[in-house]
N, C-alpha and C. Protein backbone atom coordinates (compact mmCIF):
# COMPACT_ATOMS: atom_id res chain seq x y z
N UNK A 1 120.10 205.59 97.65
CA UNK A 1 121.01 205.51 98.69
C UNK A 1 120.77 203.55 98.82
N UNK A 2 119.83 203.13 99.31
CA UNK A 2 120.00 201.60 99.59
C UNK A 2 120.02 200.75 98.15
N UNK A 3 120.41 201.20 97.06
CA UNK A 3 121.05 200.19 95.64
C UNK A 3 122.41 200.40 96.57
N UNK A 4 122.88 201.42 96.68
CA UNK A 4 124.21 201.32 96.98
C UNK A 4 125.15 200.31 97.45
N UNK A 5 123.92 199.75 98.68
CA UNK A 5 124.47 198.54 99.56
C UNK A 5 124.22 197.50 98.89
N UNK A 6 123.83 197.04 97.55
CA UNK A 6 123.50 195.88 96.90
C UNK A 6 125.24 195.67 96.61
N UNK A 7 126.06 196.45 96.03
CA UNK A 7 127.09 195.52 95.99
C UNK A 7 127.89 195.07 97.09
N UNK A 8 127.72 195.17 98.52
CA UNK A 8 128.37 194.43 99.50
C UNK A 8 127.31 192.76 99.93
N UNK A 9 126.36 192.60 98.84
CA UNK A 9 125.56 191.52 99.34
C UNK A 9 126.51 190.28 98.27
N UNK A 10 126.17 189.22 98.84
CA UNK A 10 127.28 187.92 98.54
C UNK A 10 126.37 187.24 97.92
N UNK A 11 126.23 187.58 96.81
CA UNK A 11 125.39 187.23 95.57
C UNK A 11 125.44 185.92 95.29
N UNK A 12 126.66 185.12 95.42
CA UNK A 12 126.88 183.32 95.22
C UNK A 12 126.35 182.92 96.31
N UNK A 13 126.32 183.41 97.36
CA UNK A 13 124.70 182.44 98.61
C UNK A 13 123.80 182.65 98.07
N UNK A 14 122.90 182.57 97.58
CA UNK A 14 121.63 182.90 97.62
C UNK A 14 120.77 182.67 99.00
N UNK A 15 121.21 182.07 99.58
CA UNK A 15 120.25 181.93 100.78
C UNK A 15 120.94 183.52 101.67
N UNK A 16 121.93 184.44 101.07
CA UNK A 16 121.82 185.80 102.10
C UNK A 16 121.10 186.57 101.00
N UNK A 17 121.58 186.32 100.15
CA UNK A 17 121.23 187.59 98.67
C UNK A 17 119.68 187.83 98.70
N UNK A 18 118.60 186.40 98.41
CA UNK A 18 117.31 186.67 98.31
C UNK A 18 116.89 187.32 99.30
N UNK A 19 117.06 186.95 100.29
CA UNK A 19 116.18 187.55 102.03
C UNK A 19 116.59 189.17 101.39
N UNK A 20 117.83 189.51 101.40
CA UNK A 20 118.69 190.90 101.46
C UNK A 20 117.62 191.42 100.21
N UNK A 21 118.19 190.86 98.98
CA UNK A 21 117.22 191.63 97.88
C UNK A 21 115.63 191.72 98.16
N UNK A 22 114.98 191.13 98.49
CA UNK A 22 113.88 191.18 98.84
C UNK A 22 113.50 192.31 100.06
N UNK A 23 113.82 192.02 100.62
CA UNK A 23 113.97 193.05 102.10
C UNK A 23 113.97 194.67 101.94
N UNK A 24 115.07 194.94 100.51
CA UNK A 24 115.07 196.45 100.40
C UNK A 24 113.94 196.72 98.96
N UNK A 25 113.55 195.55 98.44
CA UNK A 25 112.59 195.61 97.56
C UNK A 25 111.35 195.96 98.38
N UNK A 26 110.97 195.68 98.86
CA UNK A 26 109.58 195.34 99.76
C UNK A 26 109.39 196.77 101.02
N UNK A 27 110.91 197.18 100.87
CA UNK A 27 111.03 198.49 101.89
C UNK A 27 110.96 199.87 100.89
N UNK A 28 110.99 199.88 99.35
CA UNK A 28 111.02 200.37 98.92
C UNK A 28 109.51 200.91 97.94
N UNK A 29 109.28 199.39 97.64
CA UNK A 29 108.04 199.56 96.98
C UNK A 29 106.60 199.71 97.96
N UNK A 30 106.09 199.95 99.12
CA UNK A 30 106.08 199.12 100.10
C UNK A 30 105.89 200.76 101.19
N UNK A 31 107.28 201.37 101.21
CA UNK A 31 107.61 202.56 102.13
C UNK A 31 107.29 202.29 103.09
N UNK A 32 107.73 201.04 103.90
CA UNK A 32 107.44 200.64 105.07
C UNK A 32 108.86 199.76 105.79
N UNK A 33 109.41 200.14 106.65
CA UNK A 33 111.16 199.17 106.90
C UNK A 33 110.21 197.94 107.56
N UNK A 34 109.07 198.27 108.39
CA UNK A 34 109.35 196.95 109.28
C UNK A 34 108.41 195.45 108.00
N UNK A 35 107.96 196.26 107.53
CA UNK A 35 107.17 195.27 106.31
C UNK A 35 108.43 194.56 105.88
N UNK A 36 109.58 195.40 105.12
CA UNK A 36 110.72 194.65 104.72
C UNK A 36 111.68 193.77 105.43
N UNK A 37 111.40 194.43 106.42
CA UNK A 37 112.51 193.94 107.35
C UNK A 37 111.49 192.05 107.83
N UNK A 38 110.47 192.37 107.52
CA UNK A 38 109.62 190.79 107.74
C UNK A 38 109.72 189.85 106.58
N UNK A 39 109.69 191.18 105.26
CA UNK A 39 109.98 190.09 104.05
C UNK A 39 111.31 189.48 104.22
N UNK A 40 112.15 189.89 104.71
CA UNK A 40 113.81 189.54 104.96
C UNK A 40 113.65 188.16 105.81
N UNK A 41 112.95 188.14 107.07
CA UNK A 41 113.34 187.11 107.35
C UNK A 41 112.26 185.84 106.81
N UNK A 42 111.48 186.37 106.82
CA UNK A 42 110.39 185.28 106.11
C UNK A 42 111.10 184.74 104.74
N UNK A 43 111.81 185.27 103.96
CA UNK A 43 112.50 184.49 102.91
C UNK A 43 113.65 183.72 103.22
N UNK A 44 114.50 184.77 104.56
CA UNK A 44 115.83 183.84 104.58
C UNK A 44 114.91 182.46 105.69
N UNK A 45 113.60 182.53 106.18
CA UNK A 45 113.52 181.05 106.94
C UNK A 45 112.70 180.67 105.61
N UNK A 46 112.31 180.26 104.73
CA UNK A 46 112.04 179.77 103.57
C UNK A 46 112.96 179.73 102.92
N UNK A 47 113.74 180.00 102.80
CA UNK A 47 115.14 179.51 101.97
C UNK A 47 116.01 177.98 102.80
N UNK A 48 116.20 178.41 104.15
CA UNK A 48 116.51 177.63 104.89
C UNK A 48 115.94 176.07 104.57
N UNK A 49 114.92 176.49 105.28
CA UNK A 49 113.72 175.58 105.03
C UNK A 49 113.85 174.83 103.88
N UNK A 50 113.74 175.58 103.03
CA UNK A 50 113.76 174.60 100.97
C UNK A 50 115.46 174.18 100.83
N UNK A 51 116.18 174.93 101.53
CA UNK A 51 117.66 174.22 101.28
C UNK A 51 117.96 172.88 102.67
N UNK A 52 117.22 172.17 103.24
CA UNK A 52 117.41 171.22 104.07
C UNK A 52 118.29 172.01 105.08
N UNK A 53 118.60 173.33 105.88
CA UNK A 53 119.12 173.38 106.64
C UNK A 53 118.42 174.63 107.69
N UNK A 54 117.15 173.62 108.18
CA UNK A 54 116.14 174.24 109.26
C UNK A 54 116.96 174.37 110.87
N UNK A 55 118.16 173.65 110.76
CA UNK A 55 118.32 173.71 112.04
C UNK A 55 119.48 175.08 112.31
N UNK A 56 119.72 175.57 111.20
CA UNK A 56 120.36 176.70 111.18
C UNK A 56 119.52 178.11 111.86
N UNK A 57 118.20 178.01 111.57
CA UNK A 57 117.35 179.05 112.11
C UNK A 57 117.08 179.37 113.16
N UNK A 58 117.64 179.85 114.16
CA UNK A 58 117.53 180.54 115.11
C UNK A 58 116.14 180.24 115.80
N UNK A 59 115.85 180.06 117.03
CA UNK A 59 114.31 179.53 117.34
C UNK A 59 114.10 180.65 117.58
N UNK A 60 114.60 181.88 118.07
CA UNK A 60 113.60 183.66 118.09
C UNK A 60 113.05 183.51 116.74
N UNK A 61 113.98 184.00 115.91
CA UNK A 61 113.94 183.82 114.24
C UNK A 61 112.69 182.98 113.89
N UNK A 62 112.80 181.58 113.75
CA UNK A 62 111.46 181.40 113.53
C UNK A 62 109.88 181.93 114.68
N UNK A 63 110.04 182.22 115.67
CA UNK A 63 108.99 182.65 116.31
C UNK A 63 108.63 183.87 115.46
N UNK A 64 109.67 185.06 115.49
CA UNK A 64 109.27 186.35 114.94
C UNK A 64 108.96 186.04 113.31
N UNK A 65 109.51 185.41 112.39
CA UNK A 65 108.85 184.99 111.42
C UNK A 65 107.57 184.29 111.35
N UNK A 66 106.88 183.21 112.09
CA UNK A 66 105.85 182.98 112.22
C UNK A 66 104.88 184.15 113.02
N UNK A 67 105.57 185.35 113.74
CA UNK A 67 104.41 186.40 114.05
C UNK A 67 104.15 187.22 112.57
N UNK A 68 105.66 187.26 112.00
CA UNK A 68 105.12 187.95 110.96
C UNK A 68 104.07 187.49 109.92
N UNK A 69 104.23 186.52 109.72
CA UNK A 69 103.41 185.53 108.89
C UNK A 69 101.85 185.41 109.31
N UNK A 70 101.56 185.48 110.71
CA UNK A 70 100.31 185.89 111.22
C UNK A 70 99.91 187.16 111.01
N UNK A 71 100.80 188.07 110.94
CA UNK A 71 100.36 189.53 111.35
C UNK A 71 99.99 189.55 109.43
N UNK A 72 100.67 189.06 108.68
CA UNK A 72 100.35 189.28 106.84
C UNK A 72 98.75 188.82 106.69
N UNK A 73 98.56 187.67 107.66
CA UNK A 73 97.45 186.53 107.44
C UNK A 73 96.34 187.80 108.16
N UNK A 74 96.82 187.99 108.80
CA UNK A 74 95.33 188.96 110.06
C UNK A 74 94.98 190.31 109.24
N UNK A 75 96.13 190.62 108.78
CA UNK A 75 96.07 192.18 107.60
C UNK A 75 95.28 191.71 106.17
N UNK A 76 95.56 190.86 105.43
CA UNK A 76 94.73 190.64 104.63
C UNK A 76 93.33 189.74 104.83
N UNK A 77 92.93 189.43 105.51
CA UNK A 77 91.59 188.78 106.09
C UNK A 77 90.54 190.41 106.45
N UNK A 78 91.57 191.01 107.77
CA UNK A 78 90.71 192.36 108.06
C UNK A 78 91.02 193.50 106.34
């Protein structure tokens, strides 16, 4: 069911395609929806930063992404 939604992704725009693809792959491999959403957020912000479009990232999205990154760091350390 998740793979059928891949056809609706705008594959020509990598700043949309990569986060959507990574979110669905992480959800499928880890069996955790929240980690998949976190991966999508992280990759979206990362790609926008790499493209030099940091102003397109909403401040709330940046705060949530930093929270997800800190969560992964804490889980890795403990």
